[in-house]
Amino acid sequence: MIVAFVGERNGYVSDCNCAKLRDILSDLIDRQGADTFLIRPDYDFDRAAAHVLVRLRQTHPHIRIVLAYAQGDSDDPTPYDDCLRLDLSDRQPLARMRMQRALVERCDLLIAQTSHASYTAHPIWQAQQCGKRVLYLHAAPSESDRATASEA
């Protein structure tokens, strides 16, 4: 099973959400046969997922972490097993939408970090239209919510 991620480009990923993500990914690997994970290097949620996957690889050495990038993005393969270069001719917003579509087309499951922003809505809609499964990991609370929680 191939898994891709969608979340905010500069979205905060809390320790709590990293723990939830670890549990979700571990279950997908152990019970549902997930073995390939597509990671975009310039998105915080994807980078958080890559860090979790590197740790999970200690107990699941068969998993593959694949760097999915567009021309002009980072092409540093560390700690990735393989690279999937998506040849996008321009760096305009439409190019980002084409990259999202390419990821959705290549994955079996999309894990979405949702928030109030609408950025994640389009790839989620695309995945649903293609009959792909979507798992939701709710975004971290706002700064004021975090401050309130830490005061309690």
Protein backbone atom coordinates (compact mmCIF):
# COMPACT_ATOMS: atom_id res chain seq x y z
CA MET A 1 0.00 0.00 0.00
CA ILE A 2 1.25 3.47 -0.91
CA VAL A 3 0.52 6.32 1.49
CA ALA A 4 0.78 10.07 0.82
CA PHE A 5 0.33 13.04 3.12
CA VAL A 6 -1.36 16.41 2.78
CA GLY A 7 -1.20 19.27 5.26
CA GLU A 8 -0.25 22.88 5.59
CA ARG A 9 3.01 23.95 3.99
CA ASN A 10 4.08 25.71 7.19
CA GLY A 11 1.73 23.97 9.59
CA TYR A 12 2.63 23.29 13.19
CA VAL A 13 2.74 19.56 14.03
CA SER A 14 2.45 19.06 17.77
CA ASP A 15 4.10 16.27 19.75
CA CYS A 16 0.62 14.94 20.40
CA ASN A 17 -0.11 14.75 16.67
CA CYS A 18 3.27 13.11 16.04
CA ALA A 19 2.33 10.44 18.58
CA LYS A 20 -1.06 9.97 16.88
CA LEU A 21 0.68 9.81 13.52
CA ARG A 22 3.10 7.18 14.86
CA ASP A 23 0.17 5.05 16.05
CA ILE A 24 -1.69 5.44 12.74
CA LEU A 25 1.39 4.60 10.64
CA SER A 26 2.33 1.65 12.83
CA ASP A 27 -1.18 0.24 12.45
CA LEU A 28 -1.14 0.79 8.68
CA ILE A 29 2.18 -1.03 8.41
CA ASP A 30 1.29 -3.90 10.75
CA ARG A 31 -2.34 -4.53 9.83
CA GLN A 32 -2.96 -3.06 6.40
CA GLY A 33 0.26 -3.68 4.52
CA ALA A 34 1.42 -0.10 4.04
CA ASP A 35 5.01 -0.23 2.85
CA THR A 36 5.67 2.87 0.71
CA PHE A 37 5.31 6.45 1.91
CA LEU A 38 5.48 9.49 -0.39
CA ILE A 39 7.01 12.53 1.35
CA ARG A 40 7.19 16.11 0.03
CA PRO A 41 10.28 17.78 1.53
CA ASP A 42 8.88 21.31 1.73
CA TYR A 43 5.78 20.59 3.83
CA ASP A 44 5.94 20.44 7.64
CA PHE A 45 3.39 17.62 7.96
CA ASP A 46 5.31 15.47 5.47
CA ARG A 47 8.61 16.15 7.25
CA ALA A 48 7.04 15.19 10.59
CA ALA A 49 5.78 11.98 8.97
CA ALA A 50 9.28 11.27 7.61
CA HIS A 51 10.78 11.62 11.10
CA VAL A 52 8.17 9.23 12.50
CA LEU A 53 8.80 6.76 9.66
CA VAL A 54 12.56 6.81 10.19
CA ARG A 55 11.97 5.76 13.80
CA LEU A 56 9.42 3.12 12.74
CA ARG A 57 11.93 1.69 10.29
CA GLN A 58 13.90 0.37 13.28
CA THR A 59 11.13 -2.20 13.86
CA HIS A 60 9.81 -2.26 10.27
CA PRO A 61 12.91 -2.35 8.04
CA HIS A 62 10.91 -3.20 4.92
CA ILE A 63 9.15 0.18 4.63
CA ARG A 64 10.22 2.62 1.89
CA ILE A 65 10.28 6.37 2.36
CA VAL A 66 10.11 8.02 -1.06
CA LEU A 67 10.97 11.67 -1.61
CA ALA A 68 8.38 13.20 -3.97
CA TYR A 69 9.55 16.53 -5.28
CA ALA A 70 9.14 18.89 -8.17
CA GLN A 71 12.00 20.26 -10.21
CA GLY A 72 13.55 23.05 -8.17
CA ASP A 73 12.58 21.58 -4.79
CA SER A 74 15.13 19.94 -2.53
CA ASP A 75 16.57 16.79 -4.03
CA ASP A 76 18.57 15.68 -1.00
CA PRO A 77 17.72 11.96 -0.76
CA THR A 78 18.59 11.56 2.94
CA PRO A 79 16.85 9.70 4.70
CA TYR A 80 14.84 8.60 1.68
CA ASP A 81 15.02 5.24 -0.06
CA ASP A 82 14.08 6.55 -3.46
CA CYS A 83 13.13 9.75 -5.25
CA LEU A 84 10.05 10.43 -7.35
CA ARG A 85 10.70 13.59 -9.35
CA LEU A 86 7.51 15.12 -10.70
CA ASP A 87 8.40 17.22 -13.73
CA LEU A 88 6.35 20.37 -13.35
CA SER A 89 7.14 23.08 -15.86
CA ASP A 90 6.42 26.08 -13.64
CA ARG A 91 6.39 27.04 -9.98
CA GLN A 92 2.98 28.74 -10.05
CA PRO A 93 0.04 27.70 -7.83
CA LEU A 94 -1.27 25.47 -10.62
CA ALA A 95 2.01 23.52 -10.48
CA ARG A 96 1.38 22.80 -6.79
CA MET A 97 -2.12 21.59 -7.64
CA ARG A 98 -0.66 19.30 -10.32
CA MET A 99 1.80 17.93 -7.76
CA GLN A 100 -1.04 17.24 -5.33
CA ARG A 101 -2.96 15.49 -8.11
CA ALA A 102 0.11 13.40 -9.01
CA LEU A 103 0.50 12.31 -5.38
CA VAL A 104 -3.20 11.45 -5.10
CA GLU A 105 -3.02 9.41 -8.31
CA ARG A 106 -0.02 7.43 -7.03
CA CYS A 107 -1.27 6.68 -3.52
CA ASP A 108 -3.77 4.20 -2.14
CA LEU A 109 -4.36 6.18 1.04
CA LEU A 110 -4.10 9.88 1.84
CA ILE A 111 -3.44 11.06 5.40
CA ALA A 112 -4.65 14.63 5.83
CA GLN A 113 -3.78 17.03 8.60
CA THR A 114 -6.84 19.22 8.66
CA SER A 115 -7.19 22.74 9.96
CA HIS A 116 -9.28 25.81 9.31
CA ALA A 117 -7.36 26.50 6.10
CA SER A 118 -8.80 25.29 2.82
CA TYR A 119 -5.44 24.20 1.37
CA THR A 120 -6.11 20.54 2.15
CA ALA A 121 -9.64 20.56 0.73
CA HIS A 122 -8.72 20.11 -2.94
CA PRO A 123 -6.45 17.04 -2.65
CA ILE A 124 -8.91 15.46 -0.21
CA TRP A 125 -11.71 16.03 -2.71
CA GLN A 126 -9.52 14.56 -5.50
CA ALA A 127 -8.77 11.48 -3.41
CA GLN A 128 -12.45 10.96 -2.62
CA GLN A 129 -13.38 11.37 -6.31
CA CYS A 130 -10.80 8.69 -7.21
CA GLY A 131 -12.18 6.32 -4.57
CA LYS A 132 -9.07 6.61 -2.39
CA ARG A 133 -9.25 6.33 1.38
CA VAL A 134 -8.60 9.46 3.42
CA LEU A 135 -7.56 9.39 7.07
CA TYR A 136 -7.80 12.64 9.01
CA LEU A 137 -5.38 13.83 11.65
CA HIS A 138 -6.69 17.06 13.09
CA ALA A 139 -4.24 19.94 13.17
CA ALA A 140 -2.77 21.17 16.39
CA PRO A 141 -4.76 23.68 18.43
CA SER A 142 -4.06 27.37 18.05
CA GLU A 143 -1.39 29.14 20.11
CA SER A 144 -4.02 30.41 22.56
CA ASP A 145 -5.47 26.89 22.95
CA ARG A 146 -1.97 25.51 23.62
CA ALA A 147 -1.33 28.21 26.24
CA THR A 148 -4.66 27.45 27.94
CA ALA A 149 -3.97 23.70 27.93
CA SER A 150 -0.51 24.17 29.43
CA GLU A 151 -1.90 26.39 32.18
CA ALA A 152 -4.47 23.79 33.26
